[in-house]
Structures are given as C-alpha cells and as structure tokens.
Amino acid sequence: MTAVITDPIATLLSLVPAVGSARIVVGLVGLPGAGKSTQAKIWANKVNENAHANVMQTVGMDGFHYSLAELAQLPPPKNDRSRRGAPWTFDSRKLARKLEELHQQKLSGHYMNAYWPDFDHGVGDPVPNAIHIEPSVRLILVEGLYLLLRNPEWNLKNLFDHVWFLDENMETAMRRLVSRHCQSWGMTEAEANARIGVNDKLNAEIVDQTRGYAEALVSPIAIDIDTKKPAGSI
C-alpha cells in the first residue's frame, strides 16, 4: 500500500541531509492544475524558515519543453502545437542529464553550483540556465507531470531519492484549469473546457496512470491556489 504524507513540511525537514552528505532530490508529480508549483514553493519557504538557512529549493519541468522550433521538427503528429504539454513535447533526456548534475559534488564533499532551465510564457520557449541552484542547497524538489512515467524515454526512476504524488482529484484540478485558462487567456468557460478536453485532460489521464509508482501520496496544504498562473504551466 502506498504511504500517505499528511505533513509534507515536517517530512521534508527530516530529509535535509547533513552538510557534506549527498544532496537529496525529491520528485513531486500531480495532475495539471493540481497546484504542484504553488504547494512546492510554500513547502520550500517553510522548510528554509524552520532551518534558518537556504537549504531547500524547488524547480519545475517547464524549462524542458522543446522550443517551438524544435517542436516543428518532430514528425507528425508529434509536432502538433495544440498537444504541447504531452510527454513527447518535452526533452526527457536533457531532464535526465540535469537530474544527474544535481547529485554532483566536489572531491571536498561540497555541492556543485547547478543551473536549471525556466520557461518564458510570453515567448513560449524555454530559457536555458535561468535558475541558479547554489551550493548551500541540500534538498531539491522537482515538480512536474511525467517524473513517474515508465517507458524508455521517461524512466527517471534512479534519478530521484523519493517521488511523491500530490493527491488532488481530477475534478478539482480540471476546474482550476478552467479558471486559469479564462484568466490567463481571456477564454470563455466553454472555450476553456474545449481546450482542456483536447489537451489538458488527455495529459492528466496519462499522469494519473502513474500514481501507483509513487513512494507516497502527499496531501496538499489548504491554500488559495493561484489561478493566474500562465496556461500551459505544469
């Protein structure tokens, strides 16, 4: 039976490694619209507040989208921009290499500087090395949709110390996406539901099938989720 984490902040605090020990990398998977990035930021802020130091940082998968130019070079139907956000529209091999870098240490035992890509929603393309992960960071949480996929392109199983699944239900997540699409893109509710039906819901069903691979289900903290996050975010 999959474990259930009801206090993610306390659990994360217990995972912070001693200085000189290997970094701990935790994956957080959840449905689109589940609130992964919002939850992760709150958890990291609380962990750092309790530790009285910058020991934890959270990063996301958005920066591993193929650029629009790269997407256009994929064979049909994978080059369909309307399905952006599906597994094949991400560079999973680049993500794997970056995850490997997070564990690297100097011979002295100190952590290495690491850099992580971000995503420019105004342009619609990733921004390489936009996020700096300083050597003081000993616990890193990576949030994203497909960290638990099990296929040749996406088997990241050995690159995480722990992987959790944010236990939000499909109905709530899709309702949140409708609000996000309406506020971010000026869509009507009908237009937002139509877009979700041909893209986001399909992606959510893929993600939900990986729930059983998670080490633990984690209960979201009750907060007001920011529905103004740009559409297409994960």
Protein backbone atom coordinates (compact mmCIF):
# COMPACT_ATOMS: atom_id res chain seq x y z
CA MET A 1 0.00 0.00 0.00
CA THR A 2 1.32 3.47 -0.92
CA ALA A 3 2.23 5.58 2.10
CA VAL A 4 0.38 8.83 2.81
CA ILE A 5 2.20 12.00 3.87
CA THR A 6 -0.06 14.39 5.76
CA ASP A 7 2.66 16.84 6.85
CA PRO A 8 4.96 17.40 3.85
CA ILE A 9 6.88 20.22 5.56
CA ALA A 10 7.88 18.07 8.53
CA THR A 11 8.77 15.21 6.20
CA LEU A 12 10.94 17.46 4.03
CA LEU A 13 12.69 18.87 7.09
CA SER A 14 13.56 15.32 8.12
CA LEU A 15 15.09 14.71 4.68
CA VAL A 16 17.52 17.65 4.70
CA PRO A 17 20.95 15.97 4.60
CA ALA A 18 23.91 16.94 6.75
CA VAL A 19 26.49 19.24 5.16
CA GLY A 20 28.87 17.11 3.12
CA SER A 21 26.33 14.34 2.54
CA ALA A 22 24.85 13.78 -0.91
CA ARG A 23 22.07 16.11 -1.97
CA ILE A 24 18.57 14.72 -1.68
CA VAL A 25 16.34 15.13 -4.74
CA VAL A 26 12.58 14.68 -4.31
CA GLY A 27 10.15 14.49 -7.23
CA LEU A 28 6.59 15.80 -6.93
CA VAL A 29 4.11 14.56 -9.53
CA GLY A 30 0.49 15.58 -9.91
CA LEU A 31 -2.25 16.30 -12.38
CA PRO A 32 -2.14 19.51 -14.40
CA GLY A 33 -3.96 22.04 -12.26
CA ALA A 34 -3.24 20.12 -9.03
CA GLY A 35 -1.24 23.03 -7.60
CA LYS A 36 2.21 21.38 -7.65
CA SER A 37 4.31 24.51 -8.11
CA THR A 38 2.31 26.51 -5.54
CA GLN A 39 2.50 23.75 -2.95
CA ALA A 40 6.21 23.19 -3.61
CA LYS A 41 7.08 26.87 -3.15
CA ILE A 42 5.19 27.06 0.13
CA TRP A 43 6.86 23.89 1.40
CA ALA A 44 10.33 25.20 0.46
CA ASN A 45 9.70 28.55 2.14
CA LYS A 46 8.56 26.83 5.33
CA VAL A 47 11.49 24.40 5.34
CA ASN A 48 14.00 27.24 4.91
CA GLU A 49 12.22 29.28 7.58
CA ASN A 50 12.45 26.39 10.04
CA ALA A 51 16.06 25.60 9.09
CA HIS A 52 17.06 29.30 9.34
CA ALA A 53 19.00 28.82 6.09
CA ASN A 54 18.53 28.36 2.36
CA VAL A 55 18.71 24.55 2.45
CA MET A 56 15.86 23.75 0.04
CA GLN A 57 14.94 24.89 -3.46
CA THR A 58 12.14 23.90 -5.80
CA VAL A 59 12.35 23.77 -9.60
CA GLY A 60 9.93 22.64 -12.30
CA MET A 61 9.73 20.79 -15.59
CA ASP A 62 8.52 23.70 -17.74
CA GLY A 63 12.03 24.53 -18.93
CA PHE A 64 12.35 21.15 -20.61
CA HIS A 65 9.64 21.82 -23.18
CA TYR A 66 11.01 21.55 -26.69
CA SER A 67 11.26 25.03 -28.18
CA LEU A 68 8.67 25.89 -30.81
CA ALA A 69 11.36 25.46 -33.48
CA GLU A 70 12.32 22.02 -32.13
CA LEU A 71 8.68 21.01 -31.86
CA ALA A 72 8.12 21.90 -35.50
CA GLN A 73 10.89 19.47 -36.48
CA LEU A 74 9.22 16.48 -34.83
CA PRO A 75 7.41 14.04 -37.13
CA PRO A 76 3.61 14.28 -37.36
CA PRO A 77 1.51 14.06 -35.24
CA LYS A 78 4.07 14.86 -32.51
CA ASN A 79 4.68 18.32 -33.99
CA ASP A 80 1.08 19.37 -33.32
CA ARG A 81 1.35 22.53 -31.17
CA SER A 82 -2.16 22.00 -29.81
CA ARG A 83 -0.81 18.99 -27.89
CA ARG A 84 2.06 20.90 -26.30
CA GLY A 85 2.44 19.61 -22.77
CA ALA A 86 2.12 15.95 -23.78
CA PRO A 87 5.10 13.72 -22.85
CA TRP A 88 6.68 13.79 -26.30
CA THR A 89 6.85 17.60 -26.32
CA PHE A 90 9.50 17.57 -23.56
CA ASP A 91 13.21 16.79 -23.85
CA SER A 92 13.32 13.98 -21.29
CA ARG A 93 16.98 13.17 -21.99
CA LYS A 94 18.02 16.71 -21.15
CA LEU A 95 15.97 16.48 -17.96
CA ALA A 96 17.77 13.24 -17.04
CA ARG A 97 21.17 14.88 -17.52
CA LYS A 98 20.18 17.82 -15.33
CA LEU A 99 18.94 15.49 -12.61
CA GLU A 100 22.31 13.74 -12.65
CA GLU A 101 24.05 17.10 -12.21
CA LEU A 102 22.07 17.84 -9.06
CA HIS A 103 23.83 14.97 -7.28
CA GLN A 104 27.36 16.02 -8.26
CA GLN A 105 29.79 17.01 -5.50
CA LYS A 106 33.33 18.27 -5.43
CA LEU A 107 36.07 15.99 -4.10
CA SER A 108 35.94 18.09 -0.93
CA GLY A 109 32.34 16.96 -0.40
CA HIS A 110 30.84 20.37 -1.13
CA TYR A 111 27.94 20.65 -3.53
CA MET A 112 28.42 21.97 -7.04
CA ASN A 113 26.76 25.05 -8.47
CA ALA A 114 23.93 23.87 -10.69
CA TYR A 115 21.77 25.60 -13.28
CA TRP A 116 18.24 24.77 -14.32
CA PRO A 117 16.13 26.00 -17.27
CA ASP A 118 13.00 28.09 -16.89
CA PHE A 119 10.19 28.86 -19.34
CA ASP A 120 9.26 32.24 -20.84
CA HIS A 121 5.49 32.10 -21.25
CA GLY A 122 5.50 35.39 -23.15
CA VAL A 123 7.71 33.93 -25.88
CA GLY A 124 6.61 30.32 -25.50
CA ASP A 125 10.12 28.89 -25.24
CA PRO A 126 12.46 27.56 -22.54
CA VAL A 127 15.29 29.72 -21.18
CA PRO A 128 18.46 27.66 -20.56
CA ASN A 129 20.31 28.02 -17.23
CA ALA A 130 17.87 30.65 -15.96
CA ILE A 131 17.73 29.26 -12.41
CA HIS A 132 20.82 29.10 -10.19
CA ILE A 133 20.96 26.38 -7.54
CA GLU A 134 23.57 27.49 -5.04
CA PRO A 135 25.95 25.09 -3.22
CA SER A 136 24.12 25.83 0.05
CA VAL A 137 21.03 24.00 -1.24
CA ARG A 138 20.99 20.44 0.11
CA LEU A 139 17.40 19.42 -0.65
CA ILE A 140 15.86 19.96 -4.09
CA LEU A 141 12.24 19.33 -5.03
CA VAL A 142 11.50 18.88 -8.74
CA GLU A 143 7.82 19.18 -9.66
CA GLY A 144 6.31 18.03 -12.92
CA LEU A 145 3.82 15.86 -14.71
CA TYR A 146 5.80 12.94 -16.04
CA LEU A 147 8.50 12.14 -13.49
CA LEU A 148 6.90 8.74 -12.82
CA LEU A 149 6.40 7.65 -16.43
CA ARG A 150 7.86 4.23 -17.15
CA ASN A 151 8.96 3.98 -20.76
CA PRO A 152 12.40 4.06 -22.45
CA GLU A 153 12.32 7.86 -22.88
CA TRP A 154 10.97 8.70 -19.45
CA ASN A 155 12.35 6.18 -16.98
CA LEU A 156 13.82 8.55 -14.38
CA LYS A 157 13.40 6.06 -11.53
CA ASN A 158 17.04 6.03 -10.40
CA LEU A 159 17.50 9.82 -10.55
CA PHE A 160 15.32 10.65 -7.52
CA ASP A 161 15.73 9.75 -3.88
CA HIS A 162 11.96 9.97 -3.35
CA VAL A 163 8.99 10.65 -5.64
CA TRP A 164 5.61 11.71 -4.26
CA PHE A 165 2.23 12.17 -5.93
CA LEU A 166 0.16 15.22 -4.97
CA ASP A 167 -3.19 13.71 -4.03
CA GLU A 168 -5.61 16.10 -5.73
CA ASN A 169 -8.68 14.77 -7.53
CA MET A 170 -9.33 15.13 -11.24
CA GLU A 171 -12.50 17.24 -10.89
CA THR A 172 -10.82 19.88 -8.72
CA ALA A 173 -7.73 20.03 -10.93
CA MET A 174 -9.74 20.45 -14.14
CA ARG A 175 -11.97 23.10 -12.56
CA ARG A 176 -8.85 25.00 -11.54
CA LEU A 177 -7.53 24.79 -15.11
CA VAL A 178 -10.77 26.26 -16.47
CA SER A 179 -10.32 29.29 -14.19
CA ARG A 180 -6.66 29.58 -15.14
CA HIS A 181 -7.35 29.49 -18.88
CA CYS A 182 -10.13 32.06 -18.57
CA GLN A 183 -8.00 34.46 -16.53
CA SER A 184 -4.72 33.96 -18.42
CA TRP A 185 -6.00 33.87 -21.98
CA GLY A 186 -9.36 35.62 -21.79
CA MET A 187 -11.20 32.45 -22.82
CA THR A 188 -14.85 31.86 -22.14
CA GLU A 189 -15.66 28.91 -19.90
CA ALA A 190 -16.81 26.96 -22.96
CA GLU A 191 -13.55 27.68 -24.80
CA ALA A 192 -11.51 26.66 -21.76
CA ASN A 193 -13.40 23.39 -21.41
CA ALA A 194 -12.92 22.69 -25.11
CA ARG A 195 -9.16 23.21 -24.87
CA ILE A 196 -8.94 21.05 -21.76
CA GLY A 197 -10.86 18.27 -23.50
CA VAL A 198 -8.37 18.01 -26.38
CA ASN A 199 -5.15 18.52 -24.42
CA ASP A 200 -5.01 19.01 -20.62
CA LYS A 201 -7.46 16.21 -19.76
CA LEU A 202 -5.57 13.80 -22.02
CA ASN A 203 -2.32 14.69 -20.27
CA ALA A 204 -3.99 14.40 -16.86
CA GLU A 205 -5.13 10.86 -17.67
CA ILE A 206 -1.55 9.89 -18.59
CA VAL A 207 -0.28 11.33 -15.31
CA ASP A 208 -2.99 9.69 -13.22
CA GLN A 209 -1.95 6.27 -14.53
CA THR A 210 1.48 6.75 -12.90
CA ARG A 211 0.06 7.39 -9.42
CA GLY A 212 0.79 3.82 -8.32
CA TYR A 213 4.54 4.23 -8.94
CA ALA A 214 4.84 6.95 -6.29
CA GLU A 215 6.52 6.18 -3.00
CA ALA A 216 3.84 8.20 -1.21
CA LEU A 217 0.70 10.23 -1.76
CA VAL A 218 1.00 13.69 -0.25
CA SER A 219 -1.93 15.73 0.97
CA PRO A 220 -1.97 19.32 -0.32
CA ILE A 221 -1.94 22.08 2.25
CA ALA A 222 -5.23 24.01 2.19
CA ILE A 223 -4.42 27.31 0.47
CA ASP A 224 -5.85 29.63 -2.14
CA ILE A 225 -4.23 28.28 -5.30
CA ASP A 226 -3.08 30.98 -7.72
CA THR A 227 -5.30 30.54 -10.75
CA LYS A 228 -3.48 33.31 -12.56
CA LYS A 229 -0.52 31.06 -13.33
CA PRO A 230 0.08 31.09 -17.11
CA ALA A 231 -1.88 28.48 -19.04
CA GLY A 232 0.26 25.56 -20.14
CA SER A 233 2.22 25.54 -16.89
CA ILE A 234 2.73 22.23 -15.20
